[in-house]
Amino acid sequence: MDRERLGRRIKAFRKLKGYTQAGLAKQLNMPIINLGDVERGSQQASDELLQQIADQLRVSRGELQGKKPPNKKEE
């Protein structure tokens, strides 16, 4: 997956889960500018960072990367 598409997916999941960019960056213990760079696709996220983002947003890494459909809530 290209960096820009991944960044857009991270941003979309972040917003869906109710996080601001500053709030998620704080939870990840990283500078907001770095998270912004990842979301814009100007910085490649490491495998470790992708897993941390997925964990914090409570989605699978596959969902984050667009490799599997989002989990649907059971009603």
C-alpha atoms as a PDB file:
ATOM      1  CA  MET A   1       0.000   0.000   0.000  1.00  0.00           C
ATOM      2  CA  ASP A   2       1.332   3.402  -0.847  1.00  0.00           C
ATOM      3  CA  ARG A   3       2.112   5.851   1.955  1.00  0.00           C
ATOM      4  CA  GLU A   4      -0.555   8.390   0.976  1.00  0.00           C
ATOM      5  CA  ARG A   5      -3.357   5.838   0.936  1.00  0.00           C
ATOM      6  CA  LEU A   6      -2.216   4.389   4.254  1.00  0.00           C
ATOM      7  CA  GLY A   7      -2.051   7.873   5.726  1.00  0.00           C
ATOM      8  CA  ARG A   8      -5.612   8.621   4.618  1.00  0.00           C
ATOM      9  CA  ARG A   9      -6.798   5.374   6.204  1.00  0.00           C
ATOM     10  CA  ILE A  10      -5.024   6.166   9.478  1.00  0.00           C
ATOM     11  CA  LYS A  11      -6.619   9.616   9.509  1.00  0.00           C
ATOM     12  CA  ALA A  12     -10.072   8.200   8.748  1.00  0.00           C
ATOM     13  CA  PHE A  13      -9.839   5.596  11.518  1.00  0.00           C
ATOM     14  CA  ARG A  14      -8.472   8.229  13.906  1.00  0.00           C
ATOM     15  CA  LYS A  15     -11.456  10.481  13.272  1.00  0.00           C
ATOM     16  CA  LEU A  16     -13.890   7.558  13.395  1.00  0.00           C
ATOM     17  CA  LYS A  17     -12.555   6.635  16.833  1.00  0.00           C
ATOM     18  CA  GLY A  18     -12.869  10.238  18.061  1.00  0.00           C
ATOM     19  CA  TYR A  19      -9.199  11.138  18.336  1.00  0.00           C
ATOM     20  CA  THR A  20      -7.675  14.447  17.408  1.00  0.00           C
ATOM     21  CA  GLN A  21      -4.269  14.303  15.824  1.00  0.00           C
ATOM     22  CA  ALA A  22      -2.793  15.776  19.008  1.00  0.00           C
ATOM     23  CA  GLY A  23      -4.638  13.271  21.183  1.00  0.00           C
ATOM     24  CA  LEU A  24      -3.491  10.245  19.225  1.00  0.00           C
ATOM     25  CA  ALA A  25       0.074  11.533  19.015  1.00  0.00           C
ATOM     26  CA  LYS A  26       0.079  11.940  22.788  1.00  0.00           C
ATOM     27  CA  GLN A  27      -1.201   8.380  23.305  1.00  0.00           C
ATOM     28  CA  LEU A  28       1.520   7.120  20.960  1.00  0.00           C
ATOM     29  CA  ASN A  29       4.137   9.219  22.741  1.00  0.00           C
ATOM     30  CA  MET A  30       5.255  10.824  19.498  1.00  0.00           C
ATOM     31  CA  PRO A  31       5.430  14.401  18.220  1.00  0.00           C
ATOM     32  CA  ILE A  32       2.248  15.551  16.482  1.00  0.00           C
ATOM     33  CA  ILE A  33       4.291  16.651  13.478  1.00  0.00           C
ATOM     34  CA  ASN A  34       5.449  13.069  12.920  1.00  0.00           C
ATOM     35  CA  LEU A  35       1.899  11.730  13.036  1.00  0.00           C
ATOM     36  CA  GLY A  36       0.861  14.463  10.613  1.00  0.00           C
ATOM     37  CA  ASP A  37       3.668  13.452   8.269  1.00  0.00           C
ATOM     38  CA  VAL A  38       2.507   9.822   8.388  1.00  0.00           C
ATOM     39  CA  GLU A  39      -1.100  10.843   7.713  1.00  0.00           C
ATOM     40  CA  ARG A  40      -0.027  12.994   4.739  1.00  0.00           C
ATOM     41  CA  GLY A  41       2.130  10.187   3.401  1.00  0.00           C
ATOM     42  CA  SER A  42       5.328  12.203   3.542  1.00  0.00           C
ATOM     43  CA  GLN A  43       6.846   9.876   6.156  1.00  0.00           C
ATOM     44  CA  GLN A  44       6.876   6.085   6.100  1.00  0.00           C
ATOM     45  CA  ALA A  45       5.494   4.494   9.260  1.00  0.00           C
ATOM     46  CA  SER A  46       7.572   1.659  10.686  1.00  0.00           C
ATOM     47  CA  ASP A  47       5.982  -1.726  11.267  1.00  0.00           C
ATOM     48  CA  GLU A  48       6.182  -1.060  15.002  1.00  0.00           C
ATOM     49  CA  LEU A  49       4.426   2.302  14.669  1.00  0.00           C
ATOM     50  CA  LEU A  50       1.693   0.817  12.484  1.00  0.00           C
ATOM     51  CA  GLN A  51       1.026  -1.809  15.140  1.00  0.00           C
ATOM     52  CA  GLN A  52       0.939   0.841  17.885  1.00  0.00           C
ATOM     53  CA  ILE A  53      -1.528   2.936  15.880  1.00  0.00           C
ATOM     54  CA  ALA A  54      -3.718  -0.104  15.187  1.00  0.00           C
ATOM     55  CA  ASP A  55      -3.657  -1.080  18.869  1.00  0.00           C
ATOM     56  CA  GLN A  56      -4.526   2.435  20.019  1.00  0.00           C
ATOM     57  CA  LEU A  57      -7.373   2.729  17.513  1.00  0.00           C
ATOM     58  CA  ARG A  58      -8.544  -0.798  18.375  1.00  0.00           C
ATOM     59  CA  VAL A  59      -8.464  -2.033  14.797  1.00  0.00           C
ATOM     60  CA  SER A  60      -6.409  -4.786  13.277  1.00  0.00           C
ATOM     61  CA  ARG A  61      -3.324  -3.905  11.336  1.00  0.00           C
ATOM     62  CA  GLY A  62      -4.951  -5.539   8.318  1.00  0.00           C
ATOM     63  CA  GLU A  63      -7.926  -3.194   8.624  1.00  0.00           C
ATOM     64  CA  LEU A  64      -5.604  -0.214   8.953  1.00  0.00           C
ATOM     65  CA  GLN A  65      -3.728  -1.270   5.834  1.00  0.00           C
ATOM     66  CA  GLY A  66      -6.888  -2.104   3.893  1.00  0.00           C
ATOM     67  CA  LYS A  67      -6.105  -5.819   3.718  1.00  0.00           C
ATOM     68  CA  LYS A  68      -9.335  -6.920   5.348  1.00  0.00           C
ATOM     69  CA  PRO A  69     -12.748  -5.321   5.812  1.00  0.00           C
ATOM     70  CA  PRO A  70     -13.462  -3.471   9.066  1.00  0.00           C
ATOM     71  CA  ASN A  71     -14.952  -5.490  11.887  1.00  0.00           C
ATOM     72  CA  LYS A  72     -18.632  -4.799  12.281  1.00  0.00           C
ATOM     73  CA  LYS A  73     -20.158  -4.440  15.709  1.00  0.00           C
ATOM     74  CA  GLU A  74     -22.361  -7.280  16.690  1.00  0.00           C
ATOM     75  CA  GLU A  75     -25.828  -6.097  17.586  1.00  0.00           C
END
